[in-house]
C-alpha cells in the first residue's frame, strides 16, 4: 500500500546564504516523516536551491509587492490545502491563517546563536541541529563531474560580494591563488575554480588571468546554483567572503575559509568541522561602531592582509589532509 502523503508548506528564506543555512530542515523532515511532500515558497533567488528535492510537489515564487501584497498572493495559492506542517523561515505569520496540524514560524529575538541553530529551533532540534544540505539529481552531479574533470586539486574562489563593504579586492584573491597553486604551494599543479552569479563577471576578470586557461574552471554566471554546489563537492579548498556561495561550499563538504569583516562570524561562520574564518584587525563590533547600519560605501575588508589569508588557507589544508 502506498504511504499516505504528508503535505508540508516550506516558506524559505529570501537570501541564498540564509536559505542554505536552513536547508537541513528539509532533510530532517524527509527522514522523519514518511510521505512528506513539499510545497516550496521561495524568492526567485533561492527557489533553484530546492528544485531537486525528491518530495517536492511544486514551487511557488514569492515576488515582493508593495504593502506586503505578496503574502496575500501566497495565501490565495495555498489556503485551500489542509497542511500537515507549515514551516515559515520568513516569520510572515501566514501560518496562522492556514489549516495546518502544526506550525513552525521564525520569530525575531531570543538568545543569539549561529543561524543553523536558529533555524533548528523552529522544529525544536537545536540540541542536534541538522547541517545544511541540498539535494541534487544524478544529472546535476554528472554535469559537475564533467566541468571539473581533470588532474590536480581544485581551489574554489568566489570573489564577489553583494556590497562593497564585504568585498575583498580581486587582486588579493589572485595573489592567494598564485601562492597556493604555485610550484611550491600546497595545491601545486592544481586548478582554480571561479564561482559567482551573472552580475559577478567583472569582479572575476582579474582572477581569470591568474593562471593559464587550461588550469581554470570558470563557472561565473555560466551554471546554476545546484551545479555549482555539486562542483564544490570536488573542491580541495574554498575561499570567499561571507556569502551564499561560502555556505554552499561548507554544505558541500569542502574545506571552507570564510573572509569576514562587516558580518558576525559567531552567527554566519561556515558550518561544519571543515569551516574556518579569518578577519582583519578590527572586530565586528568595532566595524559596526564606524558603520552602524552596515550600509556605507566603505570597504571594510581592506585591512585583511594577503599573508593572513594564505596562512589560514595553508593551516586548513593541513588540518583536512586525507589520511
C-alpha atoms as a PDB file:
ATOM      1  CA  UNK A   1       0.000   0.000   0.000  1.00  0.00           C
ATOM      2  CA  UNK A   2       1.371   3.432  -0.903  1.00  0.00           C
ATOM      3  CA  UNK A   3       2.245   5.627   2.056  1.00  0.00           C
ATOM      4  CA  UNK A   4      -0.106   8.494   2.843  1.00  0.00           C
ATOM      5  CA  UNK A   5       1.131  11.863   1.708  1.00  0.00           C
ATOM      6  CA  UNK A   6       2.005  14.440   4.341  1.00  0.00           C
ATOM      7  CA  UNK A   7       1.815  17.943   2.793  1.00  0.00           C
ATOM      8  CA  UNK A   8       4.364  20.476   4.071  1.00  0.00           C
ATOM      9  CA  UNK A   9       4.464  24.147   3.141  1.00  0.00           C
ATOM     10  CA  UNK A  10       8.068  25.348   3.449  1.00  0.00           C
ATOM     11  CA  UNK A  11       8.476  29.134   3.198  1.00  0.00           C
ATOM     12  CA  UNK A  12      12.185  29.539   2.521  1.00  0.00           C
ATOM     13  CA  UNK A  13      14.471  32.434   3.399  1.00  0.00           C
ATOM     14  CA  UNK A  14      14.791  35.088   0.717  1.00  0.00           C
ATOM     15  CA  UNK A  15      18.620  35.215   0.617  1.00  0.00           C
ATOM     16  CA  UNK A  16      20.806  32.399  -0.650  1.00  0.00           C
ATOM     17  CA  UNK A  17      23.004  32.197   2.440  1.00  0.00           C
ATOM     18  CA  UNK A  18      20.090  32.037   4.884  1.00  0.00           C
ATOM     19  CA  UNK A  19      18.275  29.546   2.667  1.00  0.00           C
ATOM     20  CA  UNK A  20      21.307  27.247   2.613  1.00  0.00           C
ATOM     21  CA  UNK A  21      21.812  27.504   6.370  1.00  0.00           C
ATOM     22  CA  UNK A  22      18.221  26.410   6.996  1.00  0.00           C
ATOM     23  CA  UNK A  23      18.157  23.758   4.247  1.00  0.00           C
ATOM     24  CA  UNK A  24      18.929  20.944   6.669  1.00  0.00           C
ATOM     25  CA  UNK A  25      15.376  21.214   8.000  1.00  0.00           C
ATOM     26  CA  UNK A  26      14.055  19.748   4.757  1.00  0.00           C
ATOM     27  CA  UNK A  27      16.357  16.765   5.013  1.00  0.00           C
ATOM     28  CA  UNK A  28      15.393  16.248   8.657  1.00  0.00           C
ATOM     29  CA  UNK A  29      11.686  16.333   7.767  1.00  0.00           C
ATOM     30  CA  UNK A  30      12.223  13.990   4.815  1.00  0.00           C
ATOM     31  CA  UNK A  31      13.971  11.477   7.069  1.00  0.00           C
ATOM     32  CA  UNK A  32      11.420  11.801   9.856  1.00  0.00           C
ATOM     33  CA  UNK A  33       8.079  11.956   8.029  1.00  0.00           C
ATOM     34  CA  UNK A  34       7.032   9.178   5.701  1.00  0.00           C
ATOM     35  CA  UNK A  35       5.292  10.540   2.619  1.00  0.00           C
ATOM     36  CA  UNK A  36       6.488  14.115   3.130  1.00  0.00           C
ATOM     37  CA  UNK A  37       5.548  16.233   0.119  1.00  0.00           C
ATOM     38  CA  UNK A  38       6.927  19.754  -0.007  1.00  0.00           C
ATOM     39  CA  UNK A  39       5.447  22.876  -1.489  1.00  0.00           C
ATOM     40  CA  UNK A  40       8.328  25.330  -1.551  1.00  0.00           C
ATOM     41  CA  UNK A  41       7.546  29.047  -1.389  1.00  0.00           C
ATOM     42  CA  UNK A  42      10.714  30.972  -2.190  1.00  0.00           C
ATOM     43  CA  UNK A  43      12.122  34.032  -3.886  1.00  0.00           C
ATOM     44  CA  UNK A  44      13.367  33.797  -7.445  1.00  0.00           C
ATOM     45  CA  UNK A  45      16.867  33.928  -5.970  1.00  0.00           C
ATOM     46  CA  UNK A  46      16.519  30.932  -3.646  1.00  0.00           C
ATOM     47  CA  UNK A  47      13.973  28.733  -5.431  1.00  0.00           C
ATOM     48  CA  UNK A  48      16.646  26.962  -7.552  1.00  0.00           C
ATOM     49  CA  UNK A  49      18.249  25.595  -4.376  1.00  0.00           C
ATOM     50  CA  UNK A  50      15.188  23.409  -3.774  1.00  0.00           C
ATOM     51  CA  UNK A  51      14.464  22.352  -7.355  1.00  0.00           C
ATOM     52  CA  UNK A  52      15.638  18.756  -6.943  1.00  0.00           C
ATOM     53  CA  UNK A  53      14.121  17.782  -3.597  1.00  0.00           C
ATOM     54  CA  UNK A  54      12.753  14.228  -4.038  1.00  0.00           C
ATOM     55  CA  UNK A  55       9.493  15.052  -2.266  1.00  0.00           C
ATOM     56  CA  UNK A  56       8.843  18.380  -3.981  1.00  0.00           C
ATOM     57  CA  UNK A  57       5.245  18.784  -5.119  1.00  0.00           C
ATOM     58  CA  UNK A  58       5.620  22.296  -6.542  1.00  0.00           C
ATOM     59  CA  UNK A  59       7.409  25.595  -6.125  1.00  0.00           C
ATOM     60  CA  UNK A  60       5.675  28.936  -5.625  1.00  0.00           C
ATOM     61  CA  UNK A  61       7.653  32.105  -6.298  1.00  0.00           C
ATOM     62  CA  UNK A  62       7.285  34.949  -3.824  1.00  0.00           C
ATOM     63  CA  UNK A  63       7.556  38.139  -5.864  1.00  0.00           C
ATOM     64  CA  UNK A  64       7.741  41.052  -3.462  1.00  0.00           C
ATOM     65  CA  UNK A  65       4.957  43.613  -3.855  1.00  0.00           C
ATOM     66  CA  UNK A  66       4.150  46.873  -2.054  1.00  0.00           C
ATOM     67  CA  UNK A  67       2.290  46.739   1.248  1.00  0.00           C
ATOM     68  CA  UNK A  68       3.063  43.055   1.657  1.00  0.00           C
ATOM     69  CA  UNK A  69       0.604  42.026  -1.045  1.00  0.00           C
ATOM     70  CA  UNK A  70       2.897  39.138  -1.985  1.00  0.00           C
ATOM     71  CA  UNK A  71       1.753  37.381   1.192  1.00  0.00           C
ATOM     72  CA  UNK A  72      -1.848  37.732   0.091  1.00  0.00           C
ATOM     73  CA  UNK A  73      -0.848  36.215  -3.254  1.00  0.00           C
ATOM     74  CA  UNK A  74       0.741  33.253  -1.486  1.00  0.00           C
ATOM     75  CA  UNK A  75      -2.236  32.817   0.835  1.00  0.00           C
ATOM     76  CA  UNK A  76      -4.537  32.644  -2.199  1.00  0.00           C
ATOM     77  CA  UNK A  77      -2.376  29.850  -3.632  1.00  0.00           C
ATOM     78  CA  UNK A  78      -2.222  27.683  -0.509  1.00  0.00           C
ATOM     79  CA  UNK A  79      -5.349  28.413   1.525  1.00  0.00           C
ATOM     80  CA  UNK A  80      -7.424  25.502   0.179  1.00  0.00           C
ATOM     81  CA  UNK A  81      -4.910  22.839   1.247  1.00  0.00           C
ATOM     82  CA  UNK A  82      -5.069  21.184   4.648  1.00  0.00           C
ATOM     83  CA  UNK A  83      -1.392  21.111   5.635  1.00  0.00           C
ATOM     84  CA  UNK A  84       0.354  18.670   7.868  1.00  0.00           C
ATOM     85  CA  UNK A  85       3.002  21.270   8.685  1.00  0.00           C
ATOM     86  CA  UNK A  86       3.802  24.849   7.764  1.00  0.00           C
ATOM     87  CA  UNK A  87       7.428  25.960   8.237  1.00  0.00           C
ATOM     88  CA  UNK A  88       7.908  29.707   7.830  1.00  0.00           C
ATOM     89  CA  UNK A  89      11.531  30.854   7.807  1.00  0.00           C
ATOM     90  CA  UNK A  90      10.499  34.410   6.992  1.00  0.00           C
ATOM     91  CA  UNK A  91       8.274  34.957  10.011  1.00  0.00           C
ATOM     92  CA  UNK A  92       5.375  36.188   7.900  1.00  0.00           C
ATOM     93  CA  UNK A  93       2.630  34.963  10.220  1.00  0.00           C
ATOM     94  CA  UNK A  94       0.863  33.391   7.244  1.00  0.00           C
ATOM     95  CA  UNK A  95       0.646  30.040   9.024  1.00  0.00           C
ATOM     96  CA  UNK A  96      -1.918  31.433  11.457  1.00  0.00           C
ATOM     97  CA  UNK A  97      -4.397  31.801   8.605  1.00  0.00           C
ATOM     98  CA  UNK A  98      -3.950  28.320   7.140  1.00  0.00           C
ATOM     99  CA  UNK A  99      -5.423  24.977   8.127  1.00  0.00           C
ATOM    100  CA  UNK A 100      -2.473  23.047   9.499  1.00  0.00           C
ATOM    101  CA  UNK A 101      -1.869  20.364  12.094  1.00  0.00           C
ATOM    102  CA  UNK A 102       1.388  22.032  13.118  1.00  0.00           C
ATOM    103  CA  UNK A 103       3.066  25.381  12.575  1.00  0.00           C
ATOM    104  CA  UNK A 104       6.699  26.442  12.954  1.00  0.00           C
ATOM    105  CA  UNK A 105       7.286  30.149  12.421  1.00  0.00           C
ATOM    106  CA  UNK A 106      10.517  32.071  12.806  1.00  0.00           C
ATOM    107  CA  UNK A 107      10.335  34.800  15.424  1.00  0.00           C
ATOM    108  CA  UNK A 108      12.843  37.551  15.948  1.00  0.00           C
ATOM    109  CA  UNK A 109      14.587  37.825  19.291  1.00  0.00           C
ATOM    110  CA  UNK A 110      15.762  35.175  21.682  1.00  0.00           C
ATOM    111  CA  UNK A 111      19.350  34.334  22.545  1.00  0.00           C
ATOM    112  CA  UNK A 112      21.823  34.942  19.729  1.00  0.00           C
ATOM    113  CA  UNK A 113      23.082  31.779  18.038  1.00  0.00           C
ATOM    114  CA  UNK A 114      24.511  30.599  14.767  1.00  0.00           C
ATOM    115  CA  UNK A 115      21.880  30.718  12.016  1.00  0.00           C
ATOM    116  CA  UNK A 116      21.881  26.923  11.677  1.00  0.00           C
ATOM    117  CA  UNK A 117      20.925  26.624  15.348  1.00  0.00           C
ATOM    118  CA  UNK A 118      18.402  29.431  14.996  1.00  0.00           C
ATOM    119  CA  UNK A 119      16.698  27.570  12.154  1.00  0.00           C
ATOM    120  CA  UNK A 120      16.784  24.299  14.123  1.00  0.00           C
ATOM    121  CA  UNK A 121      14.828  25.950  16.937  1.00  0.00           C
ATOM    122  CA  UNK A 122      11.756  26.049  14.704  1.00  0.00           C
ATOM    123  CA  UNK A 123      11.500  22.270  14.910  1.00  0.00           C
ATOM    124  CA  UNK A 124      12.997  22.009  18.407  1.00  0.00           C
ATOM    125  CA  UNK A 125      16.167  20.420  17.016  1.00  0.00           C
ATOM    126  CA  UNK A 126      18.670  22.879  18.464  1.00  0.00           C
ATOM    127  CA  UNK A 127      20.360  20.175  20.564  1.00  0.00           C
ATOM    128  CA  UNK A 128      21.282  18.331  17.370  1.00  0.00           C
ATOM    129  CA  UNK A 129      20.877  20.910  14.590  1.00  0.00           C
ATOM    130  CA  UNK A 130      20.612  19.464  11.083  1.00  0.00           C
ATOM    131  CA  UNK A 131      23.559  20.508   8.931  1.00  0.00           C
ATOM    132  CA  UNK A 132      22.833  22.403   5.708  1.00  0.00           C
ATOM    133  CA  UNK A 133      22.107  20.028   2.857  1.00  0.00           C
ATOM    134  CA  UNK A 134      20.988  20.460  -0.754  1.00  0.00           C
ATOM    135  CA  UNK A 135      19.516  17.679  -2.865  1.00  0.00           C
ATOM    136  CA  UNK A 136      20.985  17.157  -6.323  1.00  0.00           C
ATOM    137  CA  UNK A 137      19.920  14.874  -9.155  1.00  0.00           C
ATOM    138  CA  UNK A 138      22.199  12.402 -10.957  1.00  0.00           C
ATOM    139  CA  UNK A 139      22.084  14.731 -13.958  1.00  0.00           C
ATOM    140  CA  UNK A 140      23.354  17.655 -11.900  1.00  0.00           C
ATOM    141  CA  UNK A 141      26.140  15.541 -10.425  1.00  0.00           C
ATOM    142  CA  UNK A 142      27.119  14.345 -13.890  1.00  0.00           C
ATOM    143  CA  UNK A 143      27.296  17.910 -15.172  1.00  0.00           C
ATOM    144  CA  UNK A 144      29.519  18.918 -12.239  1.00  0.00           C
ATOM    145  CA  UNK A 145      31.764  15.915 -12.832  1.00  0.00           C
ATOM    146  CA  UNK A 146      32.116  16.926 -16.477  1.00  0.00           C
ATOM    147  CA  UNK A 147      33.015  20.516 -15.609  1.00  0.00           C
ATOM    148  CA  UNK A 148      35.614  19.538 -13.023  1.00  0.00           C
ATOM    149  CA  UNK A 149      37.167  16.607 -14.874  1.00  0.00           C
ATOM    150  CA  UNK A 150      40.945  16.704 -14.945  1.00  0.00           C
ATOM    151  CA  UNK A 151      44.014  16.227 -12.797  1.00  0.00           C
ATOM    152  CA  UNK A 152      45.107  18.191  -9.751  1.00  0.00           C
ATOM    153  CA  UNK A 153      43.347  19.592  -6.675  1.00  0.00           C
ATOM    154  CA  UNK A 154      40.778  22.344  -7.112  1.00  0.00           C
ATOM    155  CA  UNK A 155      40.957  25.690  -5.329  1.00  0.00           C
ATOM    156  CA  UNK A 156      37.492  27.269  -5.471  1.00  0.00           C
ATOM    157  CA  UNK A 157      37.154  31.027  -5.077  1.00  0.00           C
ATOM    158  CA  UNK A 158      34.053  33.222  -5.052  1.00  0.00           C
ATOM    159  CA  UNK A 159      35.466  36.774  -5.160  1.00  0.00           C
ATOM    160  CA  UNK A 160      32.271  38.825  -5.356  1.00  0.00           C
ATOM    161  CA  UNK A 161      30.008  40.201  -2.649  1.00  0.00           C
ATOM    162  CA  UNK A 162      26.646  41.934  -2.834  1.00  0.00           C
ATOM    163  CA  UNK A 163      28.012  45.059  -1.097  1.00  0.00           C
ATOM    164  CA  UNK A 164      31.325  46.893  -1.336  1.00  0.00           C
ATOM    165  CA  UNK A 165      31.745  46.660   2.435  1.00  0.00           C
ATOM    166  CA  UNK A 166      32.166  42.869   2.211  1.00  0.00           C
ATOM    167  CA  UNK A 167      34.293  42.826  -0.933  1.00  0.00           C
ATOM    168  CA  UNK A 168      37.920  41.757  -0.619  1.00  0.00           C
ATOM    169  CA  UNK A 169      39.911  43.103  -3.583  1.00  0.00           C
ATOM    170  CA  UNK A 170      40.081  40.688  -6.509  1.00  0.00           C
ATOM    171  CA  UNK A 171      43.821  41.329  -6.877  1.00  0.00           C
ATOM    172  CA  UNK A 172      44.377  39.885  -3.406  1.00  0.00           C
ATOM    173  CA  UNK A 173      42.387  36.772  -4.243  1.00  0.00           C
ATOM    174  CA  UNK A 174      44.665  36.420  -7.252  1.00  0.00           C
ATOM    175  CA  UNK A 175      47.799  36.634  -5.125  1.00  0.00           C
ATOM    176  CA  UNK A 176      46.472  33.967  -2.754  1.00  0.00           C
ATOM    177  CA  UNK A 177      45.561  31.701  -5.667  1.00  0.00           C
ATOM    178  CA  UNK A 178      49.003  32.050  -7.255  1.00  0.00           C
ATOM    179  CA  UNK A 179      50.764  31.174  -3.997  1.00  0.00           C
ATOM    180  CA  UNK A 180      48.580  28.183  -3.116  1.00  0.00           C
ATOM    181  CA  UNK A 181      48.614  26.799  -6.658  1.00  0.00           C
ATOM    182  CA  UNK A 182      52.212  27.756  -7.430  1.00  0.00           C
ATOM    183  CA  UNK A 183      55.132  25.310  -7.769  1.00  0.00           C
ATOM    184  CA  UNK A 184      55.867  25.430  -4.041  1.00  0.00           C
ATOM    185  CA  UNK A 185      52.282  25.759  -2.863  1.00  0.00           C
ATOM    186  CA  UNK A 186      50.231  23.116  -1.034  1.00  0.00           C
ATOM    187  CA  UNK A 187      47.969  22.784  -4.101  1.00  0.00           C
ATOM    188  CA  UNK A 188      50.759  22.738  -6.678  1.00  0.00           C
ATOM    189  CA  UNK A 189      49.697  21.607 -10.141  1.00  0.00           C
ATOM    190  CA  UNK A 190      46.112  22.260  -9.123  1.00  0.00           C
ATOM    191  CA  UNK A 191      43.339  24.195 -10.785  1.00  0.00           C
ATOM    192  CA  UNK A 192      41.361  27.346  -9.967  1.00  0.00           C
ATOM    193  CA  UNK A 193      37.564  27.213  -9.985  1.00  0.00           C
ATOM    194  CA  UNK A 194      35.776  30.568 -10.065  1.00  0.00           C
ATOM    195  CA  UNK A 195      32.188  30.871  -8.886  1.00  0.00           C
ATOM    196  CA  UNK A 196      29.632  33.642  -8.965  1.00  0.00           C
ATOM    197  CA  UNK A 197      26.415  34.867 -10.483  1.00  0.00           C
ATOM    198  CA  UNK A 198      25.748  36.639 -13.779  1.00  0.00           C
ATOM    199  CA  UNK A 199      26.473  40.028 -12.182  1.00  0.00           C
ATOM    200  CA  UNK A 200      29.902  38.939 -10.893  1.00  0.00           C
ATOM    201  CA  UNK A 201      31.658  38.673 -14.252  1.00  0.00           C
ATOM    202  CA  UNK A 202      33.549  41.947 -13.897  1.00  0.00           C
ATOM    203  CA  UNK A 203      34.806  41.049 -10.414  1.00  0.00           C
ATOM    204  CA  UNK A 204      36.149  37.735 -11.691  1.00  0.00           C
ATOM    205  CA  UNK A 205      38.009  39.339 -14.594  1.00  0.00           C
ATOM    206  CA  UNK A 206      41.269  39.818 -12.663  1.00  0.00           C
ATOM    207  CA  UNK A 207      41.284  36.247 -11.391  1.00  0.00           C
ATOM    208  CA  UNK A 208      40.814  34.785 -14.850  1.00  0.00           C
ATOM    209  CA  UNK A 209      44.354  35.860 -15.693  1.00  0.00           C
ATOM    210  CA  UNK A 210      45.907  34.441 -12.518  1.00  0.00           C
ATOM    211  CA  UNK A 211      46.594  31.051 -14.140  1.00  0.00           C
ATOM    212  CA  UNK A 212      46.777  29.553 -17.640  1.00  0.00           C
ATOM    213  CA  UNK A 213      43.372  28.803 -19.141  1.00  0.00           C
ATOM    214  CA  UNK A 214      43.919  25.054 -19.023  1.00  0.00           C
ATOM    215  CA  UNK A 215      44.039  25.329 -15.232  1.00  0.00           C
ATOM    216  CA  UNK A 216      40.882  27.441 -14.951  1.00  0.00           C
ATOM    217  CA  UNK A 217      37.334  26.196 -14.330  1.00  0.00           C
ATOM    218  CA  UNK A 218      35.168  29.265 -14.880  1.00  0.00           C
ATOM    219  CA  UNK A 219      31.608  28.858 -13.607  1.00  0.00           C
ATOM    220  CA  UNK A 220      30.869  32.558 -13.062  1.00  0.00           C
ATOM    221  CA  UNK A 221      27.412  33.231 -14.453  1.00  0.00           C
ATOM    222  CA  UNK A 222      27.513  30.037 -16.508  1.00  0.00           C
ATOM    223  CA  UNK A 223      25.939  27.395 -14.286  1.00  0.00           C
ATOM    224  CA  UNK A 224      23.032  27.233 -11.867  1.00  0.00           C
ATOM    225  CA  UNK A 225      23.305  27.078  -8.102  1.00  0.00           C
ATOM    226  CA  UNK A 226      22.931  23.320  -7.804  1.00  0.00           C
ATOM    227  CA  UNK A 227      25.590  22.582 -10.424  1.00  0.00           C
ATOM    228  CA  UNK A 228      27.930  24.961  -8.587  1.00  0.00           C
ATOM    229  CA  UNK A 229      27.097  23.192  -5.332  1.00  0.00           C
ATOM    230  CA  UNK A 230      27.839  19.796  -6.872  1.00  0.00           C
ATOM    231  CA  UNK A 231      31.103  21.147  -8.298  1.00  0.00           C
ATOM    232  CA  UNK A 232      32.083  22.375  -4.838  1.00  0.00           C
ATOM    233  CA  UNK A 233      31.907  18.790  -3.581  1.00  0.00           C
ATOM    234  CA  UNK A 234      35.012  18.225  -5.687  1.00  0.00           C
ATOM    235  CA  UNK A 235      36.985  21.226  -4.346  1.00  0.00           C
ATOM    236  CA  UNK A 236      40.007  20.736  -2.104  1.00  0.00           C
ATOM    237  CA  UNK A 237      39.571  24.225  -0.651  1.00  0.00           C
ATOM    238  CA  UNK A 238      37.119  27.121  -0.932  1.00  0.00           C
ATOM    239  CA  UNK A 239      37.963  30.746  -0.162  1.00  0.00           C
ATOM    240  CA  UNK A 240      35.411  33.548  -0.252  1.00  0.00           C
ATOM    241  CA  UNK A 241      33.652  36.236   1.695  1.00  0.00           C
ATOM    242  CA  UNK A 242      30.532  35.800   3.804  1.00  0.00           C
ATOM    243  CA  UNK A 243      28.109  34.859   1.026  1.00  0.00           C
ATOM    244  CA  UNK A 244      25.688  32.249  -0.155  1.00  0.00           C
ATOM    245  CA  UNK A 245      28.457  30.504  -2.061  1.00  0.00           C
ATOM    246  CA  UNK A 246      30.559  30.260   1.090  1.00  0.00           C
ATOM    247  CA  UNK A 247      27.694  28.480   2.854  1.00  0.00           C
ATOM    248  CA  UNK A 248      27.138  26.258  -0.177  1.00  0.00           C
ATOM    249  CA  UNK A 249      30.803  25.260  -0.106  1.00  0.00           C
ATOM    250  CA  UNK A 250      30.610  24.284   3.560  1.00  0.00           C
ATOM    251  CA  UNK A 251      27.371  22.361   2.943  1.00  0.00           C
ATOM    252  CA  UNK A 252      29.089  20.540   0.080  1.00  0.00           C
ATOM    253  CA  UNK A 253      31.779  19.344   2.493  1.00  0.00           C
ATOM    254  CA  UNK A 254      34.625  21.398   1.029  1.00  0.00           C
ATOM    255  CA  UNK A 255      37.178  22.812   3.474  1.00  0.00           C
ATOM    256  CA  UNK A 256      35.878  26.379   3.621  1.00  0.00           C
ATOM    257  CA  UNK A 257      37.721  29.549   4.606  1.00  0.00           C
ATOM    258  CA  UNK A 258      35.371  32.497   5.092  1.00  0.00           C
ATOM    259  CA  UNK A 259      36.774  36.040   4.929  1.00  0.00           C
ATOM    260  CA  UNK A 260      34.944  38.204   7.439  1.00  0.00           C
ATOM    261  CA  UNK A 261      34.681  41.910   8.137  1.00  0.00           C
ATOM    262  CA  UNK A 262      31.274  43.623   8.482  1.00  0.00           C
ATOM    263  CA  UNK A 263      29.415  40.458   9.454  1.00  0.00           C
ATOM    264  CA  UNK A 264      29.449  38.385  12.612  1.00  0.00           C
ATOM    265  CA  UNK A 265      31.183  35.025  12.304  1.00  0.00           C
ATOM    266  CA  UNK A 266      29.507  33.870  15.511  1.00  0.00           C
ATOM    267  CA  UNK A 267      26.261  33.846  13.540  1.00  0.00           C
ATOM    268  CA  UNK A 268      27.447  33.220   9.986  1.00  0.00           C
ATOM    269  CA  UNK A 269      30.664  31.189  10.080  1.00  0.00           C
ATOM    270  CA  UNK A 270      30.780  28.321   7.578  1.00  0.00           C
ATOM    271  CA  UNK A 271      29.053  25.434   9.335  1.00  0.00           C
ATOM    272  CA  UNK A 272      30.818  22.157   9.975  1.00  0.00           C
ATOM    273  CA  UNK A 273      34.165  20.709  11.082  1.00  0.00           C
ATOM    274  CA  UNK A 274      35.945  21.926   7.930  1.00  0.00           C
ATOM    275  CA  UNK A 275      34.865  25.550   8.250  1.00  0.00           C
ATOM    276  CA  UNK A 276      37.222  28.332   9.345  1.00  0.00           C
ATOM    277  CA  UNK A 277      37.148  32.130   9.371  1.00  0.00           C
ATOM    278  CA  UNK A 278      39.723  34.906   9.175  1.00  0.00           C
ATOM    279  CA  UNK A 279      39.312  38.654   9.601  1.00  0.00           C
ATOM    280  CA  UNK A 280      41.416  41.798   9.771  1.00  0.00           C
ATOM    281  CA  UNK A 281      42.472  43.715  12.860  1.00  0.00           C
ATOM    282  CA  UNK A 282      39.024  45.041  13.741  1.00  0.00           C
ATOM    283  CA  UNK A 283      36.264  43.008  15.356  1.00  0.00           C
ATOM    284  CA  UNK A 284      32.717  43.035  14.043  1.00  0.00           C
ATOM    285  CA  UNK A 285      31.722  45.343  16.899  1.00  0.00           C
ATOM    286  CA  UNK A 286      34.474  47.825  16.001  1.00  0.00           C
ATOM    287  CA  UNK A 287      33.383  47.881  12.368  1.00  0.00           C
ATOM    288  CA  UNK A 288      29.780  48.397  13.370  1.00  0.00           C
ATOM    289  CA  UNK A 289      30.748  51.321  15.565  1.00  0.00           C
ATOM    290  CA  UNK A 290      32.083  53.040  12.440  1.00  0.00           C
ATOM    291  CA  UNK A 291      29.220  51.937  10.170  1.00  0.00           C
ATOM    292  CA  UNK A 292      26.196  51.407  12.474  1.00  0.00           C
ATOM    293  CA  UNK A 293      23.754  50.336   9.760  1.00  0.00           C
ATOM    294  CA  UNK A 294      26.335  48.446   7.686  1.00  0.00           C
ATOM    295  CA  UNK A 295      25.331  50.266   4.539  1.00  0.00           C
ATOM    296  CA  UNK A 296      28.051  52.817   3.876  1.00  0.00           C
ATOM    297  CA  UNK A 297      30.194  52.682   0.755  1.00  0.00           C
ATOM    298  CA  UNK A 298      33.262  51.719   2.771  1.00  0.00           C
ATOM    299  CA  UNK A 299      35.339  48.631   2.013  1.00  0.00           C
ATOM    300  CA  UNK A 300      35.729  47.154   5.476  1.00  0.00           C
ATOM    301  CA  UNK A 301      37.851  44.304   4.112  1.00  0.00           C
ATOM    302  CA  UNK A 302      40.901  46.353   3.114  1.00  0.00           C
ATOM    303  CA  UNK A 303      42.771  45.638   6.355  1.00  0.00           C
ATOM    304  CA  UNK A 304      42.654  41.872   5.788  1.00  0.00           C
ATOM    305  CA  UNK A 305      46.126  41.018   4.527  1.00  0.00           C
ATOM    306  CA  UNK A 306      47.067  38.521   1.853  1.00  0.00           C
ATOM    307  CA  UNK A 307      49.552  36.767   4.127  1.00  0.00           C
ATOM    308  CA  UNK A 308      46.884  36.259   6.814  1.00  0.00           C
ATOM    309  CA  UNK A 309      44.525  34.611   4.325  1.00  0.00           C
ATOM    310  CA  UNK A 310      47.289  32.486   2.832  1.00  0.00           C
ATOM    311  CA  UNK A 311      48.437  31.312   6.264  1.00  0.00           C
ATOM    312  CA  UNK A 312      44.865  30.430   7.281  1.00  0.00           C
ATOM    313  CA  UNK A 313      44.379  28.561   3.997  1.00  0.00           C
ATOM    314  CA  UNK A 314      47.568  26.554   4.497  1.00  0.00           C
ATOM    315  CA  UNK A 315      46.502  25.595   8.017  1.00  0.00           C
ATOM    316  CA  UNK A 316      43.094  24.458   6.808  1.00  0.00           C
ATOM    317  CA  UNK A 317      44.662  22.374   4.036  1.00  0.00           C
ATOM    318  CA  UNK A 318      46.954  20.722   6.568  1.00  0.00           C
ATOM    319  CA  UNK A 319      44.117  20.084   9.013  1.00  0.00           C
ATOM    320  CA  UNK A 320      41.939  18.458   6.356  1.00  0.00           C
ATOM    321  CA  UNK A 321      44.630  16.407   4.650  1.00  0.00           C
ATOM    322  CA  UNK A 322      43.145  12.966   3.866  1.00  0.00           C
ATOM    323  CA  UNK A 323      44.682  10.194   5.924  1.00  0.00           C
END
